[in-house]
PDB file of N, CA and C in Angstrom:
ATOM      1  N   MET A   1       0.840  -1.198   0.000  1.00  0.00           N
ATOM      2  CA  MET A   1       0.000   0.000   0.000  1.00  0.00           C
ATOM      3  C   MET A   1       0.884   1.261   0.000  1.00  0.00           C
ATOM      4  N   PHE A   2       1.955   1.223   0.774  1.00  0.00           N
ATOM      5  CA  PHE A   2       2.858   2.376   0.826  1.00  0.00           C
ATOM      6  C   PHE A   2       3.437   2.668  -0.565  1.00  0.00           C
ATOM      7  N   GLN A   3       3.784   1.602  -1.297  1.00  0.00           N
ATOM      8  CA  GLN A   3       4.350   1.776  -2.641  1.00  0.00           C
ATOM      9  C   GLN A   3       3.341   2.447  -3.575  1.00  0.00           C
ATOM     10  N   ILE A   4       2.086   2.051  -3.474  1.00  0.00           N
ATOM     11  CA  ILE A   4       1.044   2.617  -4.337  1.00  0.00           C
ATOM     12  C   ILE A   4       0.918   4.120  -4.076  1.00  0.00           C
ATOM     13  N   VAL A   5       0.888   4.496  -2.806  1.00  0.00           N
ATOM     14  CA  VAL A   5       0.766   5.909  -2.448  1.00  0.00           C
ATOM     15  C   VAL A   5       1.978   6.674  -2.964  1.00  0.00           C
ATOM     16  N   ASP A   6       3.158   6.087  -2.777  1.00  0.00           N
ATOM     17  CA  ASP A   6       4.396   6.727  -3.220  1.00  0.00           C
ATOM     18  C   ASP A   6       4.382   6.880  -4.745  1.00  0.00           C
ATOM     19  N   PHE A   7       3.890   5.866  -5.436  1.00  0.00           N
ATOM     20  CA  PHE A   7       3.822   5.907  -6.896  1.00  0.00           C
ATOM     21  C   PHE A   7       2.892   7.026  -7.361  1.00  0.00           C
ATOM     22  N   ASP A   8       1.732   7.122  -6.736  1.00  0.00           N
ATOM     23  CA  ASP A   8       0.769   8.171  -7.109  1.00  0.00           C
ATOM     24  C   ASP A   8       1.368   9.549  -6.853  1.00  0.00           C
ATOM     25  N   LYS A   9       2.100   9.660  -5.764  1.00  0.00           N
ATOM     26  CA  LYS A   9       2.706  10.947  -5.414  1.00  0.00           C
ATOM     27  C   LYS A   9       3.732  11.358  -6.469  1.00  0.00           C
ATOM     28  N   SER A  10       4.596  10.425  -6.865  1.00  0.00           N
ATOM     29  CA  SER A  10       5.621  10.750  -7.862  1.00  0.00           C
ATOM     30  C   SER A  10       4.969  11.022  -9.212  1.00  0.00           C
ATOM     31  N   LYS A  11       3.903  10.284  -9.505  1.00  0.00           N
ATOM     32  CA  LYS A  11       3.183  10.471 -10.764  1.00  0.00           C
ATOM     33  C   LYS A  11       2.579  11.879 -10.792  1.00  0.00           C
ATOM     34  N   PHE A  12       1.994  12.283  -9.690  1.00  0.00           N
ATOM     35  CA  PHE A  12       1.388  13.611  -9.584  1.00  0.00           C
ATOM     36  C   PHE A  12       2.471  14.680  -9.747  1.00  0.00           C
ATOM     37  N   TRP A  13       3.642  14.432  -9.147  1.00  0.00           N
ATOM     38  CA  TRP A  13       4.760  15.376  -9.231  1.00  0.00           C
ATOM     39  C   TRP A  13       5.209  15.525 -10.679  1.00  0.00           C
ATOM     40  N   LEU A  14       5.339  14.410 -11.386  1.00  0.00           N
ATOM     41  CA  LEU A  14       5.759  14.458 -12.795  1.00  0.00           C
ATOM     42  C   LEU A  14       4.740  15.222 -13.623  1.00  0.00           C
ATOM     43  N   MET A  15       3.483  15.013 -13.356  1.00  0.00           N
ATOM     44  CA  MET A  15       2.422  15.698 -14.102  1.00  0.00           C
ATOM     45  C   MET A  15       2.507  17.203 -13.858  1.00  0.00           C
ATOM     46  N   SER A  16       2.747  17.583 -12.613  1.00  0.00           N
ATOM     47  CA  SER A  16       2.854  19.009 -12.276  1.00  0.00           C
ATOM     48  C   SER A  16       4.018  19.650 -13.022  1.00  0.00           C
ATOM     49  N   VAL A  17       5.148  18.962 -13.041  1.00  0.00           N
ATOM     50  CA  VAL A  17       6.334  19.489 -13.733  1.00  0.00           C
ATOM     51  C   VAL A  17       6.056  19.608 -15.229  1.00  0.00           C
ATOM     52  N   PHE A  18       5.425  18.581 -15.786  1.00  0.00           N
ATOM     53  CA  PHE A  18       5.107  18.597 -17.215  1.00  0.00           C
ATOM     54  C   PHE A  18       4.190  19.772 -17.554  1.00  0.00           C
ATOM     55  N   LEU A  19       3.145  19.950 -16.768  1.00  0.00           N
ATOM     56  CA  LEU A  19       2.208  21.057 -17.010  1.00  0.00           C
ATOM     57  C   LEU A  19       2.904  22.399 -16.840  1.00  0.00           C
ATOM     58  N   PHE A  20       3.781  22.486 -15.850  1.00  0.00           N
ATOM     59  CA  PHE A  20       4.503  23.739 -15.603  1.00  0.00           C
ATOM     60  C   PHE A  20       5.326  24.121 -16.830  1.00  0.00           C
ATOM     61  N   PHE A  21       6.094  23.163 -17.358  1.00  0.00           N
ATOM     62  CA  PHE A  21       6.917  23.446 -18.536  1.00  0.00           C
ATOM     63  C   PHE A  21       6.050  23.697 -19.761  1.00  0.00           C
ATOM     64  N   TYR A  22       4.954  22.971 -19.874  1.00  0.00           N
ATOM     65  CA  TYR A  22       4.050  23.132 -21.017  1.00  0.00           C
ATOM     66  C   TYR A  22       3.477  24.552 -21.059  1.00  0.00           C
ATOM     67  N   PHE A  23       2.954  25.010 -19.933  1.00  0.00           N
ATOM     68  CA  PHE A  23       2.373  26.363 -19.879  1.00  0.00           C
ATOM     69  C   PHE A  23       3.459  27.426 -20.002  1.00  0.00           C
ATOM     70  N   SER A  24       4.622  27.144 -19.435  1.00  0.00           N
ATOM     71  CA  SER A  24       5.736  28.093 -19.500  1.00  0.00           C
ATOM     72  C   SER A  24       6.140  28.286 -20.964  1.00  0.00           C
ATOM     73  N   ASP A  25       6.224  27.193 -21.692  1.00  0.00           N
ATOM     74  CA  ASP A  25       6.584  27.250 -23.109  1.00  0.00           C
ATOM     75  C   ASP A  25       5.486  27.972 -23.883  1.00  0.00           C
ATOM     76  N   SER A  26       4.257  27.726 -23.505  1.00  0.00           N
ATOM     77  CA  SER A  26       3.108  28.349 -24.174  1.00  0.00           C
ATOM     78  C   SER A  26       3.178  29.867 -24.022  1.00  0.00           C
ATOM     79  N   LEU A  27       3.483  30.326 -22.829  1.00  0.00           N
ATOM     80  CA  LEU A  27       3.562  31.769 -22.580  1.00  0.00           C
ATOM     81  C   LEU A  27       4.735  32.384 -23.340  1.00  0.00           C
ATOM     82  N   LYS A  28       5.820  31.647 -23.433  1.00  0.00           N
ATOM     83  CA  LYS A  28       6.998  32.142 -24.152  1.00  0.00           C
ATOM     84  C   LYS A  28       6.667  32.368 -25.627  1.00  0.00           C
ATOM     85  N   VAL A  29       5.993  31.399 -26.223  1.00  0.00           N
ATOM     86  CA  VAL A  29       5.660  31.468 -27.651  1.00  0.00           C
ATOM     87  C   VAL A  29       4.702  32.624 -27.930  1.00  0.00           C
ATOM     88  N   SER A  30       3.726  32.815 -27.049  1.00  0.00           N
ATOM     89  CA  SER A  30       2.725  33.861 -27.288  1.00  0.00           C
ATOM     90  C   SER A  30       3.362  35.240 -27.388  1.00  0.00           C
TER      91      SER A  30
END
């Protein structure tokens, strides 16, 4: 169970980083 929670946490972190760079790039282009 601990591994599942840890996995979801890291997955959420990766998604946040991806979205951050995605929007950052979007603002740069505009």
